């Protein structure tokens, strides 16, 4: 079996602005540009890790600004219509709606 290609994008998160949204959105978009990702005429679905309900800067959940950078790439750079870009996440069926809402809110998603 062949090994998958692995790409690493390094970015600096030093200083006072280390955890601002641009520190996450920019590298996400830059990564997809470097890979020249082309979805063709297909819709795009992204599945961030949100169900833990941890704060956005915890490193446990996918930072919402990182996802925003991915969305920006697909809409603005790849030309995917905004209504064909989806962000979805699922929880256990045992998780209440209130718990789901709290997880999304704590993670910084709206």
Protein backbone atom coordinates (compact mmCIF):
# COMPACT_ATOMS: atom_id res chain seq x y z
CA UNK A 1 0.00 0.00 0.00
CA UNK A 2 1.37 3.41 -0.88
CA UNK A 3 1.87 6.01 1.80
CA UNK A 4 -0.23 9.16 1.70
CA UNK A 5 1.32 12.52 1.00
CA UNK A 6 1.59 14.73 4.07
CA UNK A 7 1.81 18.51 3.82
CA UNK A 8 2.81 20.77 6.67
CA UNK A 9 2.28 24.53 6.75
CA UNK A 10 4.21 26.29 9.48
CA UNK A 11 3.12 29.63 10.79
CA UNK A 12 4.25 31.80 13.66
CA UNK A 13 1.85 32.33 16.54
CA UNK A 14 4.08 34.61 18.57
CA UNK A 15 3.23 37.97 20.08
CA UNK A 16 0.09 39.69 21.25
CA UNK A 17 -1.92 38.71 18.17
CA UNK A 18 -1.02 35.02 18.34
CA UNK A 19 -4.57 33.80 18.84
CA UNK A 20 -6.51 36.32 16.80
CA UNK A 21 -8.75 35.12 14.00
CA UNK A 22 -6.33 36.15 11.23
CA UNK A 23 -3.70 33.83 12.73
CA UNK A 24 -6.00 30.92 11.89
CA UNK A 25 -7.94 32.05 8.80
CA UNK A 26 -4.89 33.13 6.79
CA UNK A 27 -2.95 29.86 7.07
CA UNK A 28 -6.06 27.80 6.26
CA UNK A 29 -6.58 29.71 3.04
CA UNK A 30 -2.84 29.71 2.26
CA UNK A 31 -2.71 25.93 2.66
CA UNK A 32 -5.51 25.32 0.15
CA UNK A 33 -3.96 27.81 -2.28
CA UNK A 34 -0.61 26.01 -2.06
CA UNK A 35 -2.31 22.68 -2.72
CA UNK A 36 -4.38 24.24 -5.53
CA UNK A 37 -7.48 22.44 -4.32
CA UNK A 38 -10.13 22.42 -7.04
CA UNK A 39 -13.53 20.98 -6.11
CA UNK A 40 -14.69 21.16 -9.71
CA UNK A 41 -18.44 21.63 -9.99
CA UNK A 42 -19.13 19.95 -6.67
CA UNK A 43 -20.42 21.24 -3.36
CA UNK A 44 -17.96 21.31 -0.47
CA UNK A 45 -18.59 19.78 2.96
CA UNK A 46 -16.28 20.41 5.91
CA UNK A 47 -16.45 18.61 9.24
CA UNK A 48 -14.65 20.48 12.01
CA UNK A 49 -14.14 18.98 15.44
CA UNK A 50 -16.63 20.86 17.61
CA UNK A 51 -18.47 18.31 19.72
CA UNK A 52 -16.05 18.50 22.66
CA UNK A 53 -17.42 21.98 23.37
CA UNK A 54 -14.03 23.33 24.36
CA UNK A 55 -13.13 27.02 23.97
CA UNK A 56 -12.04 28.12 20.49
CA UNK A 57 -8.38 28.68 21.47
CA UNK A 58 -8.03 25.41 23.38
CA UNK A 59 -6.52 23.37 20.55
CA UNK A 60 -9.14 20.70 21.22
CA UNK A 61 -11.72 21.95 18.71
CA UNK A 62 -11.16 23.23 15.20
CA UNK A 63 -10.86 27.00 15.52
CA UNK A 64 -13.83 28.70 13.80
CA UNK A 65 -11.54 31.19 12.07
CA UNK A 66 -9.61 28.29 10.51
CA UNK A 67 -12.89 26.98 9.09
CA UNK A 68 -13.71 30.54 7.93
CA UNK A 69 -10.41 30.60 6.03
CA UNK A 70 -11.34 27.34 4.32
CA UNK A 71 -14.77 28.70 3.42
CA UNK A 72 -13.19 31.90 2.06
CA UNK A 73 -10.89 29.86 -0.15
CA UNK A 74 -13.68 27.77 -1.63
CA UNK A 75 -16.01 30.74 -2.19
CA UNK A 76 -13.58 33.49 -3.21
CA UNK A 77 -10.68 31.56 -4.76
CA UNK A 78 -12.26 28.37 -6.08
CA UNK A 79 -15.58 29.96 -7.10
CA UNK A 80 -17.87 27.59 -5.23
CA UNK A 81 -21.25 29.28 -4.64
CA UNK A 82 -21.62 30.15 -0.97
CA UNK A 83 -24.84 28.12 -0.74
CA UNK A 84 -22.87 25.03 -1.80
CA UNK A 85 -20.30 25.23 1.00
CA UNK A 86 -21.38 23.33 4.10
CA UNK A 87 -19.98 22.98 7.60
CA UNK A 88 -21.42 20.05 9.51
CA UNK A 89 -20.85 18.23 12.75
CA UNK A 90 -22.70 15.46 14.54
CA UNK A 91 -23.00 14.43 18.15
CA UNK A 92 -24.29 11.34 19.82
CA UNK A 93 -28.05 10.93 19.64
CA UNK A 94 -27.89 10.93 23.43
CA UNK A 95 -26.65 14.53 23.44
CA UNK A 96 -29.42 17.00 24.19
CA UNK A 97 -30.10 20.05 22.03
CA UNK A 98 -29.01 22.26 24.93
CA UNK A 99 -25.67 20.40 25.14
CA UNK A 100 -25.19 20.76 21.37
CA UNK A 101 -25.96 24.48 21.48
CA UNK A 102 -23.52 24.94 24.36
CA UNK A 103 -20.76 23.05 22.52
CA UNK A 104 -21.17 25.22 19.42
CA UNK A 105 -21.28 28.44 21.46
CA UNK A 106 -18.27 27.57 23.65
CA UNK A 107 -16.29 26.66 20.55
CA UNK A 108 -16.97 30.07 18.99
CA UNK A 109 -19.29 28.98 16.19
CA UNK A 110 -22.46 30.93 15.47
